[in-house]
Amino acid sequence: MNLLEIKELKVDYTTKSGVSGETKLVHAINGINLGVRRGEILAVAGESGCGKSTLAKAIMKLVDIKNGEIIFQGTNSTALNSIKEIRQFYQKVQMVFQNPYSSLNPKMKIGSILKEPLLINKKLSSQEITRIVEEKISQVGLDTSVLDKYPHEFSGGQRQRIAIARALILEPELIIADEPVSALDVSIQAQIINLLKSLKENLGLTFIFISHDLSVIKYISDRIAVMYLGEIVEIGKTSEIFDSPKHPYTQALLSSVPQIGSKTEDTTIQLEGELPSAEKLPSGCKFHTRCPYVMDKCKDKIPEEHEFSLSHRCKCFLYTNENSMI
């Protein structure tokens, strides 16, 4: 059963050039359809600039959407207007940001940071608030003594644990983790990843895990959605994506991951050029400007989704019946 349904989501935003002051329209999300199943960790993978973080912000109502629906537990969250409705939504959906150094208020003690959501959203006694705060800080592997300290007194890994505790404080059902370990040392990354997996199992949480690190994604995720220029080009179980990638972009991403004992120059799929600007998207299949298998029809026709199993799908002309494309 899907906890979250995203339908035909489109997000545009404008930017201004620092030199000329010219306003430009950026097409960040371009018609995404995606379901997130209750109790799973769905990873969203792709290069920087592909729209992963914009997708997270759209789900969290931090950016305006151009078109589409984001349905959480049967309710279209994009239509929520009242403060009461929005507060109820944020009690069920929380986010862990990339940088633990900037996501915590440096002027507040950890105890106050964790108490604040409860004071705003719940009518609880001070004793009950203290109990919940101590419970959550213990769940992320920290001692309750940290509650009387400030964020600058902790390492990056400890701060991210505190940020996770803050996300847990209202007992949400869905947590969006946007590159939650990319700012941490490798040894600390493993600890945070194991913590997230443990929380998922013990608390029955659902995660959207956003990352460009495929090694981390392979370890933590149940399913993977591969994004390119604001679209999902392939989705499947983690084993399906890693063992039998179908889309040339997915194949290129996976081939770039170093393998012990392999000859990188023989196994890496080289992509032509860099990720195109989202200000002027390529026509047809958006990947055709870099695809090693590009065909003429890729340049002006949009591929339909091809199903390899009930869980594994991709958008690519390589797997489409030739006659159906006429």
C-alpha atoms as a PDB file:
ATOM      1  CA  MET A   1       0.000   0.000   0.000  1.00  0.00           C
ATOM      2  CA  ASN A   2       1.301   3.439  -0.941  1.00  0.00           C
ATOM      3  CA  LEU A   3       1.666   5.989   1.824  1.00  0.00           C
ATOM      4  CA  LEU A   4       2.491   8.731  -0.697  1.00  0.00           C
ATOM      5  CA  GLU A   5       1.379   9.171  -4.319  1.00  0.00           C
ATOM      6  CA  ILE A   6       2.903  11.748  -6.652  1.00  0.00           C
ATOM      7  CA  LYS A   7       0.980  12.370  -9.868  1.00  0.00           C
ATOM      8  CA  GLU A   8       2.188  14.384 -12.888  1.00  0.00           C
ATOM      9  CA  LEU A   9       4.245  16.682 -10.671  1.00  0.00           C
ATOM     10  CA  LYS A  10       5.839  19.706 -12.332  1.00  0.00           C
ATOM     11  CA  VAL A  11       7.908  22.386 -10.617  1.00  0.00           C
ATOM     12  CA  ASP A  12       9.328  25.487 -12.291  1.00  0.00           C
ATOM     13  CA  TYR A  13      11.186  28.327 -10.643  1.00  0.00           C
ATOM     14  CA  THR A  14      12.930  31.482 -11.739  1.00  0.00           C
ATOM     15  CA  THR A  15      16.524  32.529 -11.223  1.00  0.00           C
ATOM     16  CA  LYS A  16      18.337  35.794 -11.837  1.00  0.00           C
ATOM     17  CA  SER A  17      21.737  36.126 -13.422  1.00  0.00           C
ATOM     18  CA  GLY A  18      24.203  37.782 -11.054  1.00  0.00           C
ATOM     19  CA  VAL A  19      25.788  39.788 -13.860  1.00  0.00           C
ATOM     20  CA  SER A  20      22.940  40.862 -16.129  1.00  0.00           C
ATOM     21  CA  GLY A  21      20.025  40.453 -13.731  1.00  0.00           C
ATOM     22  CA  GLU A  22      18.206  38.504 -16.442  1.00  0.00           C
ATOM     23  CA  THR A  23      15.375  36.300 -15.165  1.00  0.00           C
ATOM     24  CA  LYS A  24      15.457  32.668 -16.322  1.00  0.00           C
ATOM     25  CA  LEU A  25      12.864  29.923 -15.980  1.00  0.00           C
ATOM     26  CA  VAL A  26      14.167  26.590 -14.687  1.00  0.00           C
ATOM     27  CA  HIS A  27      12.156  23.403 -15.315  1.00  0.00           C
ATOM     28  CA  ALA A  28      13.172  21.457 -12.210  1.00  0.00           C
ATOM     29  CA  ILE A  29      10.529  18.682 -12.094  1.00  0.00           C
ATOM     30  CA  ASN A  30       8.891  17.545 -15.322  1.00  0.00           C
ATOM     31  CA  GLY A  31       5.901  15.265 -14.858  1.00  0.00           C
ATOM     32  CA  ILE A  32       6.954  12.832 -12.137  1.00  0.00           C
ATOM     33  CA  ASN A  33       4.685   9.927 -11.187  1.00  0.00           C
ATOM     34  CA  LEU A  34       5.877   8.058  -8.112  1.00  0.00           C
ATOM     35  CA  GLY A  35       4.440   5.923  -5.328  1.00  0.00           C
ATOM     36  CA  VAL A  36       6.084   5.422  -1.936  1.00  0.00           C
ATOM     37  CA  ARG A  37       5.049   2.250  -0.129  1.00  0.00           C
ATOM     38  CA  ARG A  38       4.393   2.198   3.576  1.00  0.00           C
ATOM     39  CA  GLY A  39       7.372   0.863   5.538  1.00  0.00           C
ATOM     40  CA  GLU A  40       9.970   1.024   2.754  1.00  0.00           C
ATOM     41  CA  ILE A  41      13.118   3.024   2.109  1.00  0.00           C
ATOM     42  CA  LEU A  42      12.804   4.439  -1.396  1.00  0.00           C
ATOM     43  CA  ALA A  43      16.050   5.935  -2.661  1.00  0.00           C
ATOM     44  CA  VAL A  44      16.100   8.693  -5.270  1.00  0.00           C
ATOM     45  CA  ALA A  45      19.368   8.678  -7.230  1.00  0.00           C
ATOM     46  CA  GLY A  46      20.894  10.895  -9.879  1.00  0.00           C
ATOM     47  CA  GLU A  47      23.504  13.535 -10.632  1.00  0.00           C
ATOM     48  CA  SER A  48      23.592  16.914  -8.929  1.00  0.00           C
ATOM     49  CA  GLY A  49      21.091  19.141 -10.700  1.00  0.00           C
ATOM     50  CA  CYS A  50      18.692  16.366 -11.704  1.00  0.00           C
ATOM     51  CA  GLY A  51      15.939  17.639  -9.383  1.00  0.00           C
ATOM     52  CA  LYS A  52      16.235  15.325  -6.357  1.00  0.00           C
ATOM     53  CA  SER A  53      16.224  18.067  -3.727  1.00  0.00           C
ATOM     54  CA  THR A  54      13.486  20.005  -5.522  1.00  0.00           C
ATOM     55  CA  LEU A  55      11.334  16.871  -5.373  1.00  0.00           C
ATOM     56  CA  ALA A  56      11.925  16.688  -1.610  1.00  0.00           C
ATOM     57  CA  LYS A  57      11.057  20.355  -1.154  1.00  0.00           C
ATOM     58  CA  ALA A  58       7.884  19.951  -3.226  1.00  0.00           C
ATOM     59  CA  ILE A  59       6.712  17.069  -1.030  1.00  0.00           C
ATOM     60  CA  MET A  60       7.474  19.188   2.049  1.00  0.00           C
ATOM     61  CA  LYS A  61       5.535  22.169   0.637  1.00  0.00           C
ATOM     62  CA  LEU A  62       8.702  24.286   0.635  1.00  0.00           C
ATOM     63  CA  VAL A  63       8.355  25.222  -3.048  1.00  0.00           C
ATOM     64  CA  ASP A  64       5.329  26.014  -5.175  1.00  0.00           C
ATOM     65  CA  ILE A  65       4.329  23.457  -7.782  1.00  0.00           C
ATOM     66  CA  LYS A  66       3.237  24.220 -11.331  1.00  0.00           C
ATOM     67  CA  ASN A  67       1.060  21.172 -11.840  1.00  0.00           C
ATOM     68  CA  GLY A  68       0.196  17.798 -10.336  1.00  0.00           C
ATOM     69  CA  GLU A  69      -0.809  16.264  -7.034  1.00  0.00           C
ATOM     70  CA  ILE A  70       1.038  15.027  -3.964  1.00  0.00           C
ATOM     71  CA  ILE A  71      -1.327  12.701  -2.134  1.00  0.00           C
ATOM     72  CA  PHE A  72      -0.387  11.679   1.406  1.00  0.00           C
ATOM     73  CA  GLN A  73      -2.677   9.199   3.156  1.00  0.00           C
ATOM     74  CA  GLY A  74      -5.419   9.931   0.649  1.00  0.00           C
ATOM     75  CA  THR A  75      -5.264  13.736   0.993  1.00  0.00           C
ATOM     76  CA  ASN A  76      -3.845  16.063  -1.657  1.00  0.00           C
ATOM     77  CA  SER A  77      -1.273  18.014   0.371  1.00  0.00           C
ATOM     78  CA  THR A  78      -0.873  20.632  -2.367  1.00  0.00           C
ATOM     79  CA  ALA A  79      -4.430  21.788  -1.611  1.00  0.00           C
ATOM     80  CA  LEU A  80      -3.872  22.309   2.127  1.00  0.00           C
ATOM     81  CA  ASN A  81      -4.379  25.964   3.023  1.00  0.00           C
ATOM     82  CA  SER A  82      -5.263  26.402   6.676  1.00  0.00           C
ATOM     83  CA  ILE A  83      -2.574  26.584   9.347  1.00  0.00           C
ATOM     84  CA  LYS A  84      -4.257  23.714  11.180  1.00  0.00           C
ATOM     85  CA  GLU A  85      -4.142  21.426   8.120  1.00  0.00           C
ATOM     86  CA  ILE A  86      -0.524  22.283   7.361  1.00  0.00           C
ATOM     87  CA  ARG A  87       0.533  21.686  10.981  1.00  0.00           C
ATOM     88  CA  GLN A  88      -1.187  18.301  10.915  1.00  0.00           C
ATOM     89  CA  PHE A  89       0.666  17.453   7.699  1.00  0.00           C
ATOM     90  CA  TYR A  90       4.044  18.363   9.191  1.00  0.00           C
ATOM     91  CA  GLN A  91       3.355  16.181  12.200  1.00  0.00           C
ATOM     92  CA  LYS A  92       3.233  13.208   9.835  1.00  0.00           C
ATOM     93  CA  VAL A  93       5.948  14.197   7.348  1.00  0.00           C
ATOM     94  CA  GLN A  94       9.380  15.397   8.450  1.00  0.00           C
ATOM     95  CA  MET A  95      12.723  16.073   6.787  1.00  0.00           C
ATOM     96  CA  VAL A  96      16.394  15.582   7.645  1.00  0.00           C
ATOM     97  CA  PHE A  97      18.589  18.050   5.775  1.00  0.00           C
ATOM     98  CA  GLN A  98      22.041  17.578   4.291  1.00  0.00           C
ATOM     99  CA  ASN A  99      24.100  19.880   6.468  1.00  0.00           C
ATOM    100  CA  PRO A 100      23.884  19.272  10.228  1.00  0.00           C
ATOM    101  CA  TYR A 101      25.995  22.397  10.801  1.00  0.00           C
ATOM    102  CA  SER A 102      23.325  24.748   9.466  1.00  0.00           C
ATOM    103  CA  SER A 103      20.097  22.859  10.223  1.00  0.00           C
ATOM    104  CA  LEU A 104      20.256  23.401  13.992  1.00  0.00           C
ATOM    105  CA  ASN A 105      19.759  26.793  15.650  1.00  0.00           C
ATOM    106  CA  PRO A 106      23.167  27.654  17.179  1.00  0.00           C
ATOM    107  CA  LYS A 107      21.565  29.888  19.829  1.00  0.00           C
ATOM    108  CA  MET A 108      19.359  27.179  21.307  1.00  0.00           C
ATOM    109  CA  LYS A 109      20.312  24.285  23.553  1.00  0.00           C
ATOM    110  CA  ILE A 110      19.567  20.822  22.209  1.00  0.00           C
ATOM    111  CA  GLY A 111      16.795  20.276  24.744  1.00  0.00           C
ATOM    112  CA  SER A 112      15.041  23.458  23.615  1.00  0.00           C
ATOM    113  CA  ILE A 113      15.437  22.525  19.937  1.00  0.00           C
ATOM    114  CA  LEU A 114      13.728  19.196  20.552  1.00  0.00           C
ATOM    115  CA  LYS A 115      11.021  20.608  22.826  1.00  0.00           C
ATOM    116  CA  GLU A 116       9.974  23.360  20.410  1.00  0.00           C
ATOM    117  CA  PRO A 117       7.891  21.184  18.009  1.00  0.00           C
ATOM    118  CA  LEU A 118       6.057  19.647  20.968  1.00  0.00           C
ATOM    119  CA  LEU A 119       5.304  23.032  22.511  1.00  0.00           C
ATOM    120  CA  ILE A 120       3.897  24.301  19.200  1.00  0.00           C
ATOM    121  CA  ASN A 121       1.929  21.234  18.145  1.00  0.00           C
ATOM    122  CA  LYS A 122       0.954  19.331  21.292  1.00  0.00           C
ATOM    123  CA  LYS A 123      -0.811  20.101  24.546  1.00  0.00           C
ATOM    124  CA  LEU A 124       1.401  18.173  26.941  1.00  0.00           C
ATOM    125  CA  SER A 125       2.686  18.617  30.471  1.00  0.00           C
ATOM    126  CA  SER A 126       6.302  19.627  30.967  1.00  0.00           C
ATOM    127  CA  GLN A 127       6.990  16.178  32.412  1.00  0.00           C
ATOM    128  CA  GLU A 128       5.581  14.459  29.329  1.00  0.00           C
ATOM    129  CA  ILE A 129       7.573  16.728  27.005  1.00  0.00           C
ATOM    130  CA  THR A 130      10.762  15.949  28.925  1.00  0.00           C
ATOM    131  CA  ARG A 131      10.029  12.221  28.726  1.00  0.00           C
ATOM    132  CA  ILE A 132       9.512  12.322  24.945  1.00  0.00           C
ATOM    133  CA  VAL A 133      12.651  14.406  24.366  1.00  0.00           C
ATOM    134  CA  GLU A 134      14.785  12.039  26.456  1.00  0.00           C
ATOM    135  CA  GLU A 135      13.261   9.027  24.667  1.00  0.00           C
ATOM    136  CA  LYS A 136      14.023  10.402  21.196  1.00  0.00           C
ATOM    137  CA  ILE A 137      17.580  11.458  21.987  1.00  0.00           C
ATOM    138  CA  SER A 138      18.217   7.957  23.345  1.00  0.00           C
ATOM    139  CA  GLN A 139      16.717   6.367  20.207  1.00  0.00           C
ATOM    140  CA  VAL A 140      19.379   8.078  18.070  1.00  0.00           C
ATOM    141  CA  GLY A 141      22.200   6.804  20.280  1.00  0.00           C
ATOM    142  CA  LEU A 142      22.990   9.874  22.384  1.00  0.00           C
ATOM    143  CA  ASP A 143      23.029  10.372  26.148  1.00  0.00           C
ATOM    144  CA  THR A 144      20.449  12.679  27.728  1.00  0.00           C
ATOM    145  CA  SER A 145      23.322  14.860  28.994  1.00  0.00           C
ATOM    146  CA  VAL A 146      23.551  16.393  25.495  1.00  0.00           C
ATOM    147  CA  LEU A 147      20.224  18.187  26.044  1.00  0.00           C
ATOM    148  CA  ASP A 148      21.900  20.919  28.096  1.00  0.00           C
ATOM    149  CA  LYS A 149      24.511  21.716  25.433  1.00  0.00           C
ATOM    150  CA  TYR A 150      24.638  23.818  22.258  1.00  0.00           C
ATOM    151  CA  PRO A 151      25.043  22.507  18.674  1.00  0.00           C
ATOM    152  CA  HIS A 152      28.622  23.832  18.319  1.00  0.00           C
ATOM    153  CA  GLU A 153      29.745  21.452  21.070  1.00  0.00           C
ATOM    154  CA  PHE A 154      29.140  18.398  18.867  1.00  0.00           C
ATOM    155  CA  SER A 155      30.722  16.693  15.882  1.00  0.00           C
ATOM    156  CA  GLY A 156      28.995  16.462  12.501  1.00  0.00           C
ATOM    157  CA  GLY A 157      27.781  12.943  13.150  1.00  0.00           C
ATOM    158  CA  GLN A 158      26.391  13.872  16.558  1.00  0.00           C
ATOM    159  CA  ARG A 159      24.616  16.897  15.099  1.00  0.00           C
ATOM    160  CA  GLN A 160      23.014  14.741  12.435  1.00  0.00           C
ATOM    161  CA  ARG A 161      21.802  12.361  15.142  1.00  0.00           C
ATOM    162  CA  ILE A 162      20.248  15.363  16.896  1.00  0.00           C
ATOM    163  CA  ALA A 163      18.636  16.462  13.619  1.00  0.00           C
ATOM    164  CA  ILE A 164      17.183  12.966  13.225  1.00  0.00           C
ATOM    165  CA  ALA A 165      15.860  13.094  16.806  1.00  0.00           C
ATOM    166  CA  ARG A 166      14.152  16.398  15.974  1.00  0.00           C
ATOM    167  CA  ALA A 167      12.552  14.776  12.913  1.00  0.00           C
ATOM    168  CA  LEU A 168      11.291  11.945  15.131  1.00  0.00           C
ATOM    169  CA  ILE A 169       9.928  14.136  17.915  1.00  0.00           C
ATOM    170  CA  LEU A 170       6.347  14.368  16.553  1.00  0.00           C
ATOM    171  CA  GLU A 171       6.335  10.658  15.634  1.00  0.00           C
ATOM    172  CA  PRO A 172       5.943  11.108  11.851  1.00  0.00           C
ATOM    173  CA  GLU A 173       5.126   8.336   9.401  1.00  0.00           C
ATOM    174  CA  LEU A 174       7.312   9.584   6.541  1.00  0.00           C
ATOM    175  CA  ILE A 175      10.818  11.046   6.772  1.00  0.00           C
ATOM    176  CA  ILE A 176      12.567  12.588   3.776  1.00  0.00           C
ATOM    177  CA  ALA A 177      16.347  12.386   4.158  1.00  0.00           C
ATOM    178  CA  ASP A 178      18.047  14.722   1.667  1.00  0.00           C
ATOM    179  CA  GLU A 179      21.710  13.715   1.319  1.00  0.00           C
ATOM    180  CA  PRO A 180      21.868  13.127   5.096  1.00  0.00           C
ATOM    181  CA  VAL A 181      25.397  11.676   5.141  1.00  0.00           C
ATOM    182  CA  SER A 182      27.186  13.486   2.298  1.00  0.00           C
ATOM    183  CA  ALA A 183      28.662  16.121   4.651  1.00  0.00           C
ATOM    184  CA  LEU A 184      30.034  13.486   7.045  1.00  0.00           C
ATOM    185  CA  ASP A 185      33.233  11.442   7.186  1.00  0.00           C
ATOM    186  CA  VAL A 186      32.958   7.970   5.649  1.00  0.00           C
ATOM    187  CA  SER A 187      33.237   6.154   8.982  1.00  0.00           C
ATOM    188  CA  ILE A 188      30.465   8.314  10.450  1.00  0.00           C
ATOM    189  CA  GLN A 189      28.308   7.834   7.350  1.00  0.00           C
ATOM    190  CA  ALA A 190      28.063   4.111   8.091  1.00  0.00           C
ATOM    191  CA  GLN A 191      26.857   4.799  11.638  1.00  0.00           C
ATOM    192  CA  ILE A 192      24.117   7.176  10.472  1.00  0.00           C
ATOM    193  CA  ILE A 193      22.994   4.790   7.714  1.00  0.00           C
ATOM    194  CA  ASN A 194      22.739   1.940  10.221  1.00  0.00           C
ATOM    195  CA  LEU A 195      20.791   4.228  12.552  1.00  0.00           C
ATOM    196  CA  LEU A 196      18.251   5.055   9.829  1.00  0.00           C
ATOM    197  CA  LYS A 197      17.802   1.375   8.972  1.00  0.00           C
ATOM    198  CA  SER A 198      17.312   0.543  12.644  1.00  0.00           C
ATOM    199  CA  LEU A 199      14.726   3.309  13.085  1.00  0.00           C
ATOM    200  CA  LYS A 200      12.848   2.115  10.021  1.00  0.00           C
ATOM    201  CA  GLU A 201      12.606  -1.408  11.422  1.00  0.00           C
ATOM    202  CA  ASN A 202      11.929  -0.525  15.052  1.00  0.00           C
ATOM    203  CA  LEU A 203       9.470   2.345  14.516  1.00  0.00           C
ATOM    204  CA  GLY A 204       7.849   1.220  11.268  1.00  0.00           C
ATOM    205  CA  LEU A 205       8.913   4.388   9.473  1.00  0.00           C
ATOM    206  CA  THR A 206       8.858   5.116   5.757  1.00  0.00           C
ATOM    207  CA  PHE A 207      11.836   6.917   4.222  1.00  0.00           C
ATOM    208  CA  ILE A 208      12.567   8.764   1.001  1.00  0.00           C
ATOM    209  CA  PHE A 209      16.356   8.694   0.903  1.00  0.00           C
ATOM    210  CA  ILE A 210      17.956  11.135  -1.537  1.00  0.00           C
ATOM    211  CA  SER A 211      21.587  10.598  -2.503  1.00  0.00           C
ATOM    212  CA  HIS A 212      24.082  10.584  -5.364  1.00  0.00           C
ATOM    213  CA  ASP A 213      26.185   7.920  -3.588  1.00  0.00           C
ATOM    214  CA  LEU A 214      25.191   4.588  -5.120  1.00  0.00           C
ATOM    215  CA  SER A 215      27.176   2.545  -2.605  1.00  0.00           C
ATOM    216  CA  VAL A 216      25.138   4.039   0.237  1.00  0.00           C
ATOM    217  CA  ILE A 217      21.911   3.615  -1.727  1.00  0.00           C
ATOM    218  CA  LYS A 218      22.614  -0.070  -2.385  1.00  0.00           C
ATOM    219  CA  TYR A 219      23.061  -0.720   1.325  1.00  0.00           C
ATOM    220  CA  ILE A 220      20.052   1.179   2.682  1.00  0.00           C
ATOM    221  CA  SER A 221      17.261   1.083   0.086  1.00  0.00           C
ATOM    222  CA  ASP A 222      14.430  -1.316  -0.715  1.00  0.00           C
ATOM    223  CA  ARG A 223      13.683   0.352  -4.063  1.00  0.00           C
ATOM    224  CA  ILE A 224      15.454   2.919  -6.229  1.00  0.00           C
ATOM    225  CA  ALA A 225      14.073   5.653  -8.485  1.00  0.00           C
ATOM    226  CA  VAL A 226      16.658   7.033 -10.933  1.00  0.00           C
ATOM    227  CA  MET A 227      16.151  10.698 -11.880  1.00  0.00           C
ATOM    228  CA  TYR A 228      17.389  12.598 -14.904  1.00  0.00           C
ATOM    229  CA  LEU A 229      16.449  16.228 -15.643  1.00  0.00           C
ATOM    230  CA  GLY A 230      13.385  16.171 -13.433  1.00  0.00           C
ATOM    231  CA  GLU A 231      12.025  12.808 -14.604  1.00  0.00           C
ATOM    232  CA  ILE A 232      12.072   9.245 -13.248  1.00  0.00           C
ATOM    233  CA  VAL A 233      13.770   7.261 -16.028  1.00  0.00           C
ATOM    234  CA  GLU A 234      13.942   3.932 -14.178  1.00  0.00           C
ATOM    235  CA  ILE A 235      12.520   2.459 -10.987  1.00  0.00           C
ATOM    236  CA  GLY A 236      12.795  -0.964  -9.403  1.00  0.00           C
ATOM    237  CA  LYS A 237      13.840  -3.016  -6.437  1.00  0.00           C
ATOM    238  CA  THR A 238      17.419  -2.403  -5.364  1.00  0.00           C
ATOM    239  CA  SER A 239      18.449  -5.863  -6.591  1.00  0.00           C
ATOM    240  CA  GLU A 240      16.820  -5.218  -9.985  1.00  0.00           C
ATOM    241  CA  ILE A 241      18.530  -1.869 -10.469  1.00  0.00           C
ATOM    242  CA  PHE A 242      21.983  -3.121  -9.478  1.00  0.00           C
ATOM    243  CA  ASP A 243      21.823  -6.586 -11.056  1.00  0.00           C
ATOM    244  CA  SER A 244      19.965  -5.706 -14.253  1.00  0.00           C
ATOM    245  CA  PRO A 245      19.936  -1.955 -14.976  1.00  0.00           C
ATOM    246  CA  LYS A 246      17.974  -1.168 -18.133  1.00  0.00           C
ATOM    247  CA  HIS A 247      18.225   2.536 -18.842  1.00  0.00           C
ATOM    248  CA  PRO A 248      21.561   3.680 -20.348  1.00  0.00           C
ATOM    249  CA  TYR A 249      21.737   6.447 -17.739  1.00  0.00           C
ATOM    250  CA  THR A 250      21.344   3.952 -14.899  1.00  0.00           C
ATOM    251  CA  GLN A 251      23.996   1.754 -16.497  1.00  0.00           C
ATOM    252  CA  ALA A 252      26.367   4.708 -16.721  1.00  0.00           C
ATOM    253  CA  LEU A 253      25.815   5.676 -13.084  1.00  0.00           C
ATOM    254  CA  LEU A 254      26.446   2.136 -11.881  1.00  0.00           C
ATOM    255  CA  SER A 255      29.500   1.630 -14.062  1.00  0.00           C
ATOM    256  CA  SER A 256      31.106   4.692 -12.488  1.00  0.00           C
ATOM    257  CA  VAL A 257      31.115   3.049  -9.046  1.00  0.00           C
ATOM    258  CA  PRO A 258      34.638   1.649  -8.422  1.00  0.00           C
ATOM    259  CA  GLN A 259      34.768  -2.137  -8.135  1.00  0.00           C
ATOM    260  CA  ILE A 260      37.625  -3.988  -6.461  1.00  0.00           C
ATOM    261  CA  GLY A 261      39.520  -6.073  -9.009  1.00  0.00           C
ATOM    262  CA  SER A 262      37.882  -4.486 -12.059  1.00  0.00           C
ATOM    263  CA  LYS A 263      39.503  -2.501 -14.821  1.00  0.00           C
ATOM    264  CA  THR A 264      37.688   0.835 -14.667  1.00  0.00           C
ATOM    265  CA  GLU A 265      38.633   1.851 -18.197  1.00  0.00           C
ATOM    266  CA  ASP A 266      37.030  -1.334 -19.560  1.00  0.00           C
ATOM    267  CA  THR A 267      33.804  -1.184 -17.570  1.00  0.00           C
ATOM    268  CA  THR A 268      32.896   2.497 -17.335  1.00  0.00           C
ATOM    269  CA  ILE A 269      30.246   3.791 -19.723  1.00  0.00           C
ATOM    270  CA  GLN A 270      31.352   7.244 -20.825  1.00  0.00           C
ATOM    271  CA  LEU A 271      28.617   9.863 -21.153  1.00  0.00           C
ATOM    272  CA  GLU A 272      29.008  12.670 -23.636  1.00  0.00           C
ATOM    273  CA  GLY A 273      29.046  16.165 -22.130  1.00  0.00           C
ATOM    274  CA  GLU A 274      27.514  17.374 -18.883  1.00  0.00           C
ATOM    275  CA  LEU A 275      23.956  17.450 -17.571  1.00  0.00           C
ATOM    276  CA  PRO A 276      22.052  19.886 -19.847  1.00  0.00           C
ATOM    277  CA  SER A 277      20.639  23.054 -18.344  1.00  0.00           C
ATOM    278  CA  ALA A 278      17.131  22.752 -16.950  1.00  0.00           C
ATOM    279  CA  GLU A 279      16.432  26.191 -18.425  1.00  0.00           C
ATOM    280  CA  LYS A 280      16.202  24.742 -21.936  1.00  0.00           C
ATOM    281  CA  LEU A 281      15.377  21.046 -21.849  1.00  0.00           C
ATOM    282  CA  PRO A 282      16.280  18.769 -24.783  1.00  0.00           C
ATOM    283  CA  SER A 283      13.401  17.692 -26.999  1.00  0.00           C
ATOM    284  CA  GLY A 284      12.237  14.077 -27.187  1.00  0.00           C
ATOM    285  CA  CYS A 285      14.041  11.816 -24.746  1.00  0.00           C
ATOM    286  CA  LYS A 286      15.909  14.233 -22.484  1.00  0.00           C
ATOM    287  CA  PHE A 287      18.848  11.838 -22.239  1.00  0.00           C
ATOM    288  CA  HIS A 288      19.457  11.667 -26.004  1.00  0.00           C
ATOM    289  CA  THR A 289      22.143  14.376 -25.955  1.00  0.00           C
ATOM    290  CA  ARG A 290      24.428  12.112 -23.885  1.00  0.00           C
ATOM    291  CA  CYS A 291      23.192   8.591 -24.659  1.00  0.00           C
ATOM    292  CA  PRO A 292      25.700   6.166 -26.252  1.00  0.00           C
ATOM    293  CA  TYR A 293      22.806   4.324 -27.952  1.00  0.00           C
ATOM    294  CA  VAL A 294      20.921   7.345 -29.294  1.00  0.00           C
ATOM    295  CA  MET A 295      18.621   6.793 -32.303  1.00  0.00           C
ATOM    296  CA  ASP A 296      16.960   9.349 -34.566  1.00  0.00           C
ATOM    297  CA  LYS A 297      13.555   8.956 -32.920  1.00  0.00           C
ATOM    298  CA  CYS A 298      15.076   9.689 -29.504  1.00  0.00           C
ATOM    299  CA  LYS A 299      15.608  13.287 -30.588  1.00  0.00           C
ATOM    300  CA  ASP A 300      11.952  14.199 -31.103  1.00  0.00           C
ATOM    301  CA  LYS A 301       9.797  11.490 -29.518  1.00  0.00           C
ATOM    302  CA  ILE A 302       9.235  10.828 -25.828  1.00  0.00           C
ATOM    303  CA  PRO A 303       9.653   7.151 -24.852  1.00  0.00           C
ATOM    304  CA  GLU A 304       6.849   5.420 -23.006  1.00  0.00           C
ATOM    305  CA  GLU A 305       7.429   3.381 -19.874  1.00  0.00           C
ATOM    306  CA  HIS A 306       8.363  -0.272 -20.435  1.00  0.00           C
ATOM    307  CA  GLU A 307       7.636  -2.843 -17.715  1.00  0.00           C
ATOM    308  CA  PHE A 308      10.125  -5.628 -17.010  1.00  0.00           C
ATOM    309  CA  SER A 309       8.402  -6.873 -13.850  1.00  0.00           C
ATOM    310  CA  LEU A 310       5.681  -5.684 -11.498  1.00  0.00           C
ATOM    311  CA  SER A 311       8.309  -3.555  -9.737  1.00  0.00           C
ATOM    312  CA  HIS A 312      10.828  -2.749 -12.499  1.00  0.00           C
ATOM    313  CA  ARG A 313      10.112  -0.132 -15.192  1.00  0.00           C
ATOM    314  CA  CYS A 314      12.091   2.246 -17.384  1.00  0.00           C
ATOM    315  CA  LYS A 315      11.542   4.808 -20.135  1.00  0.00           C
ATOM    316  CA  CYS A 316      13.725   3.991 -23.137  1.00  0.00           C
ATOM    317  CA  PHE A 317      13.225   3.222 -26.845  1.00  0.00           C
ATOM    318  CA  LEU A 318      15.679   0.322 -26.601  1.00  0.00           C
ATOM    319  CA  TYR A 319      12.881  -1.807 -25.125  1.00  0.00           C
ATOM    320  CA  THR A 320       9.929  -0.565 -27.189  1.00  0.00           C
ATOM    321  CA  ASN A 321       8.371  -2.512 -30.051  1.00  0.00           C
ATOM    322  CA  GLU A 322       9.598  -0.817 -33.230  1.00  0.00           C
ATOM    323  CA  ASN A 323       6.204  -0.979 -34.893  1.00  0.00           C
ATOM    324  CA  SER A 324       4.454   0.737 -32.033  1.00  0.00           C
ATOM    325  CA  MET A 325       6.620   3.825 -32.479  1.00  0.00           C
ATOM    326  CA  ILE A 326       5.405   4.592 -36.016  1.00  0.00           C
END
